[in-house]
Structures are given as C-alpha cells and as structure tokens.
Amino acid sequence: MTVSFKGAHFPKDIILHAVFFYLRYGVSYRNLKEIMAERGVTVDHATLNRWVER
C-alpha cells in the first residue's frame, strides 16, 4: 500500500518523521506536538492523528 502525499501542507519528510516517532516511541499526540515544536515544526495534535490514521 502506498500513501499519497498529494495536497499535504507539510513536506513528506516531516510527516514520515512524526509518524515514525509516534509509532516507535508510543508518545501521545500532544507530546508529539511539543517534540515537533522543539524541532521548529508547528503542527496541531489533530493533524498528527490524521497522519497516523492515514
């Protein structure tokens, strides 16, 4: 199965990094939001949820 990044507002690298981090370390979406903010990426926890679900 391939995932389409067409229409995404964030680069593919950022989306994949966030999803990998969530799945690998099992952090909450809100904690992941803070981790991404430390790396200079402002993203809502609901967006992170959609990325993981997709």
Protein backbone atom coordinates (compact mmCIF):
# COMPACT_ATOMS: atom_id res chain seq x y z
CA MET A 1 0.00 0.00 0.00
CA THR A 2 1.34 3.43 -0.89
CA VAL A 3 0.44 6.67 0.80
CA SER A 4 -0.27 9.73 -1.32
CA PHE A 5 1.19 13.00 -0.08
CA LYS A 6 -0.66 14.99 -2.74
CA GLY A 7 -2.15 18.14 -1.26
CA ALA A 8 -0.21 17.87 2.01
CA HIS A 9 0.79 21.17 3.60
CA PHE A 10 3.95 19.69 5.09
CA PRO A 11 6.87 18.03 3.32
CA LYS A 12 6.86 14.24 3.11
CA ASP A 13 9.94 14.04 5.36
CA ILE A 14 8.22 15.81 8.25
CA ILE A 15 5.08 13.68 8.02
CA LEU A 16 7.06 10.44 7.93
CA HIS A 17 9.30 11.54 10.80
CA ALA A 18 6.30 12.38 13.00
CA VAL A 19 4.51 9.11 12.22
CA PHE A 20 7.68 7.08 12.80
CA PHE A 21 8.28 8.81 16.13
CA TYR A 22 4.69 8.20 17.25
CA LEU A 23 4.73 4.52 16.32
CA ARG A 24 8.26 3.80 17.55
CA TYR A 25 8.10 5.52 20.95
CA GLY A 26 4.37 5.48 21.70
CA VAL A 27 4.13 9.11 22.79
CA SER A 28 0.79 10.91 22.91
CA TYR A 29 -0.25 13.24 20.11
CA ARG A 30 0.08 16.24 22.41
CA ASN A 31 3.59 15.23 23.45
CA LEU A 32 4.50 14.65 19.82
CA LYS A 33 3.19 18.14 19.05
CA GLU A 34 5.65 19.54 21.61
CA ILE A 35 8.51 17.44 20.23
CA MET A 36 7.82 18.69 16.71
CA ALA A 37 7.64 22.28 18.01
CA GLU A 38 11.12 21.86 19.52
CA ARG A 39 12.28 20.95 16.01
CA GLY A 40 10.67 24.07 14.55
CA VAL A 41 7.50 22.48 13.13
CA THR A 42 4.20 23.93 14.31
CA VAL A 43 1.52 21.29 13.89
CA ASP A 44 -1.73 20.55 15.71
CA HIS A 45 -2.25 17.25 17.55
CA ALA A 46 -5.35 16.56 15.42
CA THR A 47 -3.22 16.80 12.28
CA LEU A 48 -0.78 14.31 13.75
CA ASN A 49 -3.72 11.99 14.43
CA ARG A 50 -4.84 12.22 10.79
CA TRP A 51 -1.31 11.46 9.57
CA VAL A 52 -1.08 8.34 11.72
CA GLU A 53 -4.56 7.15 10.74
CA ARG A 54 -3.80 7.58 7.05
